[in-house]
Amino acid sequence: SWSDRTPLHEAAYQGRLLHLRSLISQGLHVDTLTMDRVSPLHEACLGGHYACAKFLLDHGANAEAVSTDGATPLFNSCSSGSAACVRLILQHRASINTPDLLASPIHEAAKKHRECLELLLSYGAHIDMELPVMGTPLYSACVAQAVSCVRLLLHSADVQIGCGQDSPLHAAVRAGGADVVDLLMDFGADACCRNVEGKTPQDLSLRTLSQLCRTCIRRSLGRNRLHRASSLFLPHTIKDFLLYR
């Protein structure tokens, strides 16, 4: 609920430093929280506004504040991709790990923000930390097809640890990213390992290739001509596949 968002939160999120200064000078508390325990610092970091975040921290803002959904200013900095905010929060000795496992800064950074990821690793973030839902940072990067993050993580991460029995290679193949698959293979990923369904990455690649072909053919036909797939000179099984029957 954002029903109790204050002008302080809005100024921090929009990066309006002068307005933020004015509000603080008028007596608004730097750590004013919404009903969801979101602080102005959360908002400044989510917007990627370094100057506002620094101003709030210089005036006593809590760098370890945790919202009801487990997000911290560090997590929000990683979400916005602001390396400057990440560095600032880390310099204020914020914990790299969060109480809520679904709001892990390193997993968030691994999805697309290499510079943020580098900073977290330089401050000692656990590179092979496996979470029940998201797996390892490498697994998250493979799911998101974040090639630069995958490349960075592979220099130190265990290429086989993913999410339970699902390996990073399973995730990369399922996402259909050839570049990430090639990287993982170059670093020794096991193409024969099986997940909980007994599938190897190769099994998934065959299924993914057929799905990509179907998508390509359907796109070429166009939505208005899909019904004509039935009249193509193809085996009935392929026609049914094209038409999701």
C-alpha atoms as a PDB file:
ATOM      1  CA  SER A   1       0.000   0.000   0.000  1.00  0.00           C
ATOM      2  CA  TRP A   2       1.325   3.420  -0.952  1.00  0.00           C
ATOM      3  CA  SER A   3      -1.490   5.292   0.766  1.00  0.00           C
ATOM      4  CA  ASP A   4       0.899   6.781   3.291  1.00  0.00           C
ATOM      5  CA  ARG A   5       3.733   7.753   0.940  1.00  0.00           C
ATOM      6  CA  THR A   6       5.056  11.097   2.078  1.00  0.00           C
ATOM      7  CA  PRO A   7       6.492  14.016   0.075  1.00  0.00           C
ATOM      8  CA  LEU A   8       9.853  12.858   1.461  1.00  0.00           C
ATOM      9  CA  HIS A   9       9.491   9.493  -0.269  1.00  0.00           C
ATOM     10  CA  GLU A  10       8.412  11.122  -3.504  1.00  0.00           C
ATOM     11  CA  ALA A  11      11.298  13.577  -3.515  1.00  0.00           C
ATOM     12  CA  ALA A  12      13.802  10.792  -2.845  1.00  0.00           C
ATOM     13  CA  TYR A  13      12.394   8.573  -5.618  1.00  0.00           C
ATOM     14  CA  GLN A  14      12.365  11.402  -8.159  1.00  0.00           C
ATOM     15  CA  GLY A  15      15.867  12.560  -7.222  1.00  0.00           C
ATOM     16  CA  ARG A  16      14.772  16.039  -6.156  1.00  0.00           C
ATOM     17  CA  LEU A  17      17.639  16.834  -3.804  1.00  0.00           C
ATOM     18  CA  LEU A  18      16.722  20.471  -3.060  1.00  0.00           C
ATOM     19  CA  HIS A  19      13.180  19.505  -2.138  1.00  0.00           C
ATOM     20  CA  LEU A  20      14.543  16.679  -0.011  1.00  0.00           C
ATOM     21  CA  ARG A  21      16.807  19.118   1.840  1.00  0.00           C
ATOM     22  CA  SER A  22      13.896  21.477   2.405  1.00  0.00           C
ATOM     23  CA  LEU A  23      11.663  18.734   3.821  1.00  0.00           C
ATOM     24  CA  ILE A  24      14.350  17.502   6.216  1.00  0.00           C
ATOM     25  CA  SER A  25      15.042  21.071   7.356  1.00  0.00           C
ATOM     26  CA  GLN A  26      11.317  21.432   8.096  1.00  0.00           C
ATOM     27  CA  GLY A  27      11.544  18.591  10.567  1.00  0.00           C
ATOM     28  CA  LEU A  28      10.498  15.493   8.639  1.00  0.00           C
ATOM     29  CA  HIS A  29      12.270  12.441   9.987  1.00  0.00           C
ATOM     30  CA  VAL A  30      14.891  11.016   7.656  1.00  0.00           C
ATOM     31  CA  ASP A  31      13.674   7.466   8.316  1.00  0.00           C
ATOM     32  CA  THR A  32       9.937   8.091   7.893  1.00  0.00           C
ATOM     33  CA  LEU A  33       8.407   4.726   6.928  1.00  0.00           C
ATOM     34  CA  THR A  34       5.375   3.813   4.864  1.00  0.00           C
ATOM     35  CA  MET A  35       2.962   1.093   5.991  1.00  0.00           C
ATOM     36  CA  ASP A  36       5.186  -1.351   4.094  1.00  0.00           C
ATOM     37  CA  ARG A  37       8.228  -0.056   5.999  1.00  0.00           C
ATOM     38  CA  VAL A  38       9.707   1.579   2.926  1.00  0.00           C
ATOM     39  CA  SER A  39      12.090   4.395   3.816  1.00  0.00           C
ATOM     40  CA  PRO A  40      13.112   7.431   1.750  1.00  0.00           C
ATOM     41  CA  LEU A  41      16.529   5.777   1.371  1.00  0.00           C
ATOM     42  CA  HIS A  42      14.826   2.749  -0.181  1.00  0.00           C
ATOM     43  CA  GLU A  43      13.238   5.099  -2.689  1.00  0.00           C
ATOM     44  CA  ALA A  44      16.398   7.038  -3.499  1.00  0.00           C
ATOM     45  CA  CYS A  45      18.250   3.791  -4.194  1.00  0.00           C
ATOM     46  CA  LEU A  46      15.399   2.362  -6.258  1.00  0.00           C
ATOM     47  CA  GLY A  47      15.512   5.493  -8.394  1.00  0.00           C
ATOM     48  CA  GLY A  48      19.304   5.266  -8.595  1.00  0.00           C
ATOM     49  CA  HIS A  49      19.770   8.755  -7.171  1.00  0.00           C
ATOM     50  CA  TYR A  50      23.212   8.828  -5.566  1.00  0.00           C
ATOM     51  CA  ALA A  51      23.084  12.440  -4.326  1.00  0.00           C
ATOM     52  CA  CYS A  52      19.765  11.908  -2.544  1.00  0.00           C
ATOM     53  CA  ALA A  53      20.930   8.615  -1.039  1.00  0.00           C
ATOM     54  CA  LYS A  54      24.134  10.234   0.216  1.00  0.00           C
ATOM     55  CA  PHE A  55      22.243  13.166   1.703  1.00  0.00           C
ATOM     56  CA  LEU A  56      19.902  10.829   3.565  1.00  0.00           C
ATOM     57  CA  LEU A  57      22.772   8.698   4.882  1.00  0.00           C
ATOM     58  CA  ASP A  58      24.717  11.795   5.952  1.00  0.00           C
ATOM     59  CA  HIS A  59      21.661  12.775   7.983  1.00  0.00           C
ATOM     60  CA  GLY A  60      21.399   9.437   9.745  1.00  0.00           C
ATOM     61  CA  ALA A  61      19.289   7.264   7.465  1.00  0.00           C
ATOM     62  CA  ASN A  62      19.376   3.551   8.286  1.00  0.00           C
ATOM     63  CA  ALA A  63      21.380   1.709   5.607  1.00  0.00           C
ATOM     64  CA  GLU A  64      20.017  -1.609   6.933  1.00  0.00           C
ATOM     65  CA  ALA A  65      16.301  -0.735   6.710  1.00  0.00           C
ATOM     66  CA  VAL A  66      14.184  -3.710   5.619  1.00  0.00           C
ATOM     67  CA  SER A  67      10.752  -3.334   4.021  1.00  0.00           C
ATOM     68  CA  THR A  68       7.946  -5.813   4.596  1.00  0.00           C
ATOM     69  CA  ASP A  69       8.865  -7.629   1.377  1.00  0.00           C
ATOM     70  CA  GLY A  70      12.478  -7.990   2.529  1.00  0.00           C
ATOM     71  CA  ALA A  71      14.042  -5.316   0.357  1.00  0.00           C
ATOM     72  CA  THR A  72      16.957  -3.260   1.658  1.00  0.00           C
ATOM     73  CA  PRO A  73      18.509  -0.093   0.196  1.00  0.00           C
ATOM     74  CA  LEU A  74      21.311  -2.323  -1.131  1.00  0.00           C
ATOM     75  CA  PHE A  75      18.828  -4.608  -2.890  1.00  0.00           C
ATOM     76  CA  ASN A  76      17.062  -1.600  -4.408  1.00  0.00           C
ATOM     77  CA  SER A  77      20.403  -0.203  -5.587  1.00  0.00           C
ATOM     78  CA  CYS A  78      21.108  -3.476  -7.367  1.00  0.00           C
ATOM     79  CA  SER A  79      17.616  -3.471  -8.828  1.00  0.00           C
ATOM     80  CA  SER A  80      18.106  -0.009 -10.313  1.00  0.00           C
ATOM     81  CA  GLY A  81      21.593  -0.923 -11.543  1.00  0.00           C
ATOM     82  CA  SER A  82      23.194   2.051  -9.808  1.00  0.00           C
ATOM     83  CA  ALA A  83      26.776   1.043  -9.030  1.00  0.00           C
ATOM     84  CA  ALA A  84      27.287   4.414  -7.311  1.00  0.00           C
ATOM     85  CA  CYS A  85      24.443   3.694  -4.881  1.00  0.00           C
ATOM     86  CA  VAL A  86      25.672   0.138  -4.320  1.00  0.00           C
ATOM     87  CA  ARG A  87      29.157   1.404  -3.465  1.00  0.00           C
ATOM     88  CA  LEU A  88      27.716   4.088  -1.178  1.00  0.00           C
ATOM     89  CA  ILE A  89      25.557   1.638   0.764  1.00  0.00           C
ATOM     90  CA  LEU A  90      28.415  -0.838   1.096  1.00  0.00           C
ATOM     91  CA  GLN A  91      30.687   1.912   2.382  1.00  0.00           C
ATOM     92  CA  HIS A  92      28.155   2.420   5.168  1.00  0.00           C
ATOM     93  CA  ARG A  93      28.747  -1.213   6.170  1.00  0.00           C
ATOM     94  CA  ALA A  94      25.367  -2.504   5.130  1.00  0.00           C
ATOM     95  CA  SER A  95      24.969  -6.265   5.226  1.00  0.00           C
ATOM     96  CA  ILE A  96      25.340  -7.911   1.832  1.00  0.00           C
ATOM     97  CA  ASN A  97      22.793 -10.577   2.760  1.00  0.00           C
ATOM     98  CA  THR A  98      19.164  -9.804   3.580  1.00  0.00           C
ATOM     99  CA  PRO A  99      16.767 -11.511   6.003  1.00  0.00           C
ATOM    100  CA  ASP A 100      14.348 -12.268   3.161  1.00  0.00           C
ATOM    101  CA  LEU A 101      15.966 -14.716   0.764  1.00  0.00           C
ATOM    102  CA  LEU A 102      13.749 -13.533  -2.078  1.00  0.00           C
ATOM    103  CA  ALA A 103      15.389 -10.107  -1.936  1.00  0.00           C
ATOM    104  CA  SER A 104      19.059 -11.097  -2.281  1.00  0.00           C
ATOM    105  CA  PRO A 105      21.248  -8.260  -3.633  1.00  0.00           C
ATOM    106  CA  ILE A 106      23.729 -10.539  -5.429  1.00  0.00           C
ATOM    107  CA  HIS A 107      20.964 -12.470  -7.178  1.00  0.00           C
ATOM    108  CA  GLU A 108      19.323  -9.223  -8.241  1.00  0.00           C
ATOM    109  CA  ALA A 109      22.599  -7.828  -9.584  1.00  0.00           C
ATOM    110  CA  ALA A 110      23.374 -11.074 -11.418  1.00  0.00           C
ATOM    111  CA  LYS A 111      20.259 -10.666 -13.553  1.00  0.00           C
ATOM    112  CA  LYS A 112      21.662  -7.743 -15.563  1.00  0.00           C
ATOM    113  CA  HIS A 113      24.022  -5.400 -13.735  1.00  0.00           C
ATOM    114  CA  ARG A 114      27.658  -6.531 -14.012  1.00  0.00           C
ATOM    115  CA  GLU A 115      29.183  -3.481 -12.301  1.00  0.00           C
ATOM    116  CA  CYS A 116      26.929  -3.890  -9.268  1.00  0.00           C
ATOM    117  CA  LEU A 117      27.797  -7.587  -9.217  1.00  0.00           C
ATOM    118  CA  GLU A 118      31.531  -6.828  -9.268  1.00  0.00           C
ATOM    119  CA  LEU A 119      31.144  -4.508  -6.282  1.00  0.00           C
ATOM    120  CA  LEU A 120      29.243  -7.088  -4.242  1.00  0.00           C
ATOM    121  CA  LEU A 121      31.848  -9.748  -4.969  1.00  0.00           C
ATOM    122  CA  SER A 122      34.665  -7.371  -4.025  1.00  0.00           C
ATOM    123  CA  TYR A 123      32.962  -6.879  -0.653  1.00  0.00           C
ATOM    124  CA  GLY A 124      32.793 -10.625  -0.040  1.00  0.00           C
ATOM    125  CA  ALA A 125      29.360 -11.664  -1.297  1.00  0.00           C
ATOM    126  CA  HIS A 126      29.013 -15.460  -1.407  1.00  0.00           C
ATOM    127  CA  ILE A 127      29.300 -16.334  -5.093  1.00  0.00           C
ATOM    128  CA  ASP A 128      27.763 -19.816  -4.780  1.00  0.00           C
ATOM    129  CA  MET A 129      24.954 -18.936  -2.364  1.00  0.00           C
ATOM    130  CA  GLU A 130      22.042 -21.164  -3.373  1.00  0.00           C
ATOM    131  CA  LEU A 131      18.531 -20.069  -2.492  1.00  0.00           C
ATOM    132  CA  PRO A 132      15.480 -22.376  -2.569  1.00  0.00           C
ATOM    133  CA  VAL A 133      13.667 -20.486  -5.323  1.00  0.00           C
ATOM    134  CA  MET A 134      16.374 -18.605  -7.223  1.00  0.00           C
ATOM    135  CA  GLY A 135      19.282 -21.028  -6.995  1.00  0.00           C
ATOM    136  CA  THR A 136      22.762 -19.520  -7.221  1.00  0.00           C
ATOM    137  CA  PRO A 137      23.681 -16.114  -8.664  1.00  0.00           C
ATOM    138  CA  LEU A 138      25.038 -17.958 -11.708  1.00  0.00           C
ATOM    139  CA  TYR A 139      21.708 -19.722 -12.136  1.00  0.00           C
ATOM    140  CA  SER A 140      19.860 -16.389 -11.919  1.00  0.00           C
ATOM    141  CA  ALA A 141      22.193 -14.893 -14.517  1.00  0.00           C
ATOM    142  CA  CYS A 142      21.572 -17.852 -16.846  1.00  0.00           C
ATOM    143  CA  VAL A 143      17.809 -17.571 -16.461  1.00  0.00           C
ATOM    144  CA  ALA A 144      18.046 -13.857 -17.311  1.00  0.00           C
ATOM    145  CA  GLN A 145      20.512 -14.498 -20.160  1.00  0.00           C
ATOM    146  CA  ALA A 146      22.862 -11.893 -18.683  1.00  0.00           C
ATOM    147  CA  VAL A 147      25.953 -12.862 -20.678  1.00  0.00           C
ATOM    148  CA  SER A 148      28.376 -10.382 -19.098  1.00  0.00           C
ATOM    149  CA  CYS A 149      27.305 -11.413 -15.591  1.00  0.00           C
ATOM    150  CA  VAL A 150      27.609 -15.101 -16.456  1.00  0.00           C
ATOM    151  CA  ARG A 151      31.110 -14.500 -17.798  1.00  0.00           C
ATOM    152  CA  LEU A 152      32.131 -12.688 -14.602  1.00  0.00           C
ATOM    153  CA  LEU A 153      30.690 -15.328 -12.283  1.00  0.00           C
ATOM    154  CA  LEU A 154      32.242 -18.248 -14.141  1.00  0.00           C
ATOM    155  CA  HIS A 155      35.743 -17.159 -13.152  1.00  0.00           C
ATOM    156  CA  SER A 156      35.020 -18.195  -9.557  1.00  0.00           C
ATOM    157  CA  ALA A 157      31.593 -19.839  -9.335  1.00  0.00           C
ATOM    158  CA  ASP A 158      30.921 -23.571  -9.438  1.00  0.00           C
ATOM    159  CA  VAL A 159      29.545 -24.175 -12.931  1.00  0.00           C
ATOM    160  CA  GLN A 160      27.465 -27.135 -11.761  1.00  0.00           C
ATOM    161  CA  ILE A 161      25.576 -25.580  -8.828  1.00  0.00           C
ATOM    162  CA  GLY A 162      22.233 -24.192  -9.914  1.00  0.00           C
ATOM    163  CA  CYS A 163      18.855 -24.622  -8.251  1.00  0.00           C
ATOM    164  CA  GLY A 164      18.519 -28.042  -6.651  1.00  0.00           C
ATOM    165  CA  GLN A 165      19.186 -30.592  -9.377  1.00  0.00           C
ATOM    166  CA  ASP A 166      18.632 -28.025 -12.107  1.00  0.00           C
ATOM    167  CA  SER A 167      22.061 -26.870 -13.290  1.00  0.00           C
ATOM    168  CA  PRO A 168      22.960 -23.471 -14.764  1.00  0.00           C
ATOM    169  CA  LEU A 169      23.232 -25.234 -18.126  1.00  0.00           C
ATOM    170  CA  HIS A 170      19.635 -26.468 -17.790  1.00  0.00           C
ATOM    171  CA  ALA A 171      18.564 -22.863 -17.167  1.00  0.00           C
ATOM    172  CA  ALA A 172      20.574 -21.488 -20.086  1.00  0.00           C
ATOM    173  CA  VAL A 173      19.233 -24.067 -22.540  1.00  0.00           C
ATOM    174  CA  ARG A 174      15.675 -23.552 -21.348  1.00  0.00           C
ATOM    175  CA  ALA A 175      16.049 -19.789 -21.855  1.00  0.00           C
ATOM    176  CA  GLY A 176      17.357 -20.376 -25.370  1.00  0.00           C
ATOM    177  CA  GLY A 177      20.591 -18.405 -25.098  1.00  0.00           C
ATOM    178  CA  ALA A 178      23.322 -19.905 -27.275  1.00  0.00           C
ATOM    179  CA  ASP A 179      25.990 -17.471 -26.030  1.00  0.00           C
ATOM    180  CA  VAL A 180      25.420 -18.446 -22.397  1.00  0.00           C
ATOM    181  CA  VAL A 181      25.339 -22.148 -23.263  1.00  0.00           C
ATOM    182  CA  ASP A 182      28.672 -21.820 -25.083  1.00  0.00           C
ATOM    183  CA  LEU A 183      30.204 -20.035 -22.096  1.00  0.00           C
ATOM    184  CA  LEU A 184      29.061 -22.686 -19.649  1.00  0.00           C
ATOM    185  CA  MET A 185      30.371 -25.473 -21.873  1.00  0.00           C
ATOM    186  CA  ASP A 186      33.726 -23.710 -22.195  1.00  0.00           C
ATOM    187  CA  PHE A 187      33.961 -23.665 -18.394  1.00  0.00           C
ATOM    188  CA  GLY A 188      33.231 -27.378 -18.092  1.00  0.00           C
ATOM    189  CA  ALA A 189      29.472 -27.605 -17.587  1.00  0.00           C
ATOM    190  CA  ASP A 190      28.199 -31.189 -17.652  1.00  0.00           C
ATOM    191  CA  ALA A 191      25.808 -31.636 -20.572  1.00  0.00           C
ATOM    192  CA  CYS A 192      24.762 -35.072 -19.310  1.00  0.00           C
ATOM    193  CA  CYS A 193      23.614 -34.143 -15.787  1.00  0.00           C
ATOM    194  CA  ARG A 194      19.939 -34.781 -15.079  1.00  0.00           C
ATOM    195  CA  ASN A 195      17.473 -32.561 -13.253  1.00  0.00           C
ATOM    196  CA  VAL A 196      14.643 -33.686 -11.001  1.00  0.00           C
ATOM    197  CA  GLU A 197      12.599 -34.607 -14.096  1.00  0.00           C
ATOM    198  CA  GLY A 198      15.423 -36.796 -15.359  1.00  0.00           C
ATOM    199  CA  LYS A 199      16.115 -34.387 -18.236  1.00  0.00           C
ATOM    200  CA  THR A 200      19.597 -33.509 -19.448  1.00  0.00           C
ATOM    201  CA  PRO A 201      20.370 -30.089 -20.947  1.00  0.00           C
ATOM    202  CA  GLN A 202      20.508 -31.824 -24.313  1.00  0.00           C
ATOM    203  CA  ASP A 203      16.970 -33.136 -23.839  1.00  0.00           C
ATOM    204  CA  LEU A 204      15.799 -29.595 -23.145  1.00  0.00           C
ATOM    205  CA  SER A 205      17.689 -28.188 -26.123  1.00  0.00           C
ATOM    206  CA  LEU A 206      15.854 -30.481 -28.512  1.00  0.00           C
ATOM    207  CA  ARG A 207      12.513 -29.429 -27.099  1.00  0.00           C
ATOM    208  CA  THR A 208      13.495 -25.769 -27.140  1.00  0.00           C
ATOM    209  CA  LEU A 209      14.630 -25.947 -30.769  1.00  0.00           C
ATOM    210  CA  SER A 210      11.288 -27.375 -31.846  1.00  0.00           C
ATOM    211  CA  GLN A 211       9.458 -24.662 -29.930  1.00  0.00           C
ATOM    212  CA  LEU A 212      11.565 -21.959 -31.580  1.00  0.00           C
ATOM    213  CA  CYS A 213      10.814 -23.441 -35.000  1.00  0.00           C
ATOM    214  CA  ARG A 214       7.101 -23.451 -34.264  1.00  0.00           C
ATOM    215  CA  THR A 215       7.218 -19.819 -33.141  1.00  0.00           C
ATOM    216  CA  CYS A 216       9.135 -18.840 -36.277  1.00  0.00           C
ATOM    217  CA  ILE A 217       6.676 -20.579 -38.613  1.00  0.00           C
ATOM    218  CA  ARG A 218       3.626 -19.156 -36.858  1.00  0.00           C
ATOM    219  CA  ARG A 219       5.135 -15.674 -36.997  1.00  0.00           C
ATOM    220  CA  SER A 220       5.886 -16.078 -40.725  1.00  0.00           C
ATOM    221  CA  LEU A 221       2.309 -17.150 -41.444  1.00  0.00           C
ATOM    222  CA  GLY A 222       0.867 -14.306 -39.434  1.00  0.00           C
ATOM    223  CA  ARG A 223      -2.089 -14.419 -37.081  1.00  0.00           C
ATOM    224  CA  ASN A 224      -4.654 -13.952 -39.850  1.00  0.00           C
ATOM    225  CA  ARG A 225      -3.339 -16.921 -41.842  1.00  0.00           C
ATOM    226  CA  LEU A 226      -2.656 -19.436 -39.071  1.00  0.00           C
ATOM    227  CA  HIS A 227      -5.741 -21.417 -40.044  1.00  0.00           C
ATOM    228  CA  ARG A 228      -4.031 -22.208 -43.352  1.00  0.00           C
ATOM    229  CA  ALA A 229      -1.462 -24.334 -41.551  1.00  0.00           C
ATOM    230  CA  SER A 230      -3.929 -27.192 -41.875  1.00  0.00           C
ATOM    231  CA  SER A 231      -3.575 -27.080 -45.665  1.00  0.00           C
ATOM    232  CA  LEU A 232       0.237 -27.234 -45.702  1.00  0.00           C
ATOM    233  CA  PHE A 233       1.854 -30.341 -47.181  1.00  0.00           C
ATOM    234  CA  LEU A 234       3.094 -31.572 -43.815  1.00  0.00           C
ATOM    235  CA  PRO A 235       2.494 -34.650 -41.650  1.00  0.00           C
ATOM    236  CA  HIS A 236      -0.557 -34.359 -39.389  1.00  0.00           C
ATOM    237  CA  THR A 237       1.611 -34.490 -36.258  1.00  0.00           C
ATOM    238  CA  ILE A 238       3.552 -31.403 -37.362  1.00  0.00           C
ATOM    239  CA  LYS A 239       0.354 -29.543 -38.284  1.00  0.00           C
ATOM    240  CA  ASP A 240      -1.058 -30.328 -34.845  1.00  0.00           C
ATOM    241  CA  PHE A 241       2.174 -29.125 -33.262  1.00  0.00           C
ATOM    242  CA  LEU A 242       2.061 -25.856 -35.175  1.00  0.00           C
ATOM    243  CA  LEU A 243      -1.535 -25.286 -34.100  1.00  0.00           C
ATOM    244  CA  TYR A 244      -0.968 -26.337 -30.465  1.00  0.00           C
ATOM    245  CA  ARG A 245      -3.366 -29.262 -30.843  1.00  0.00           C
END
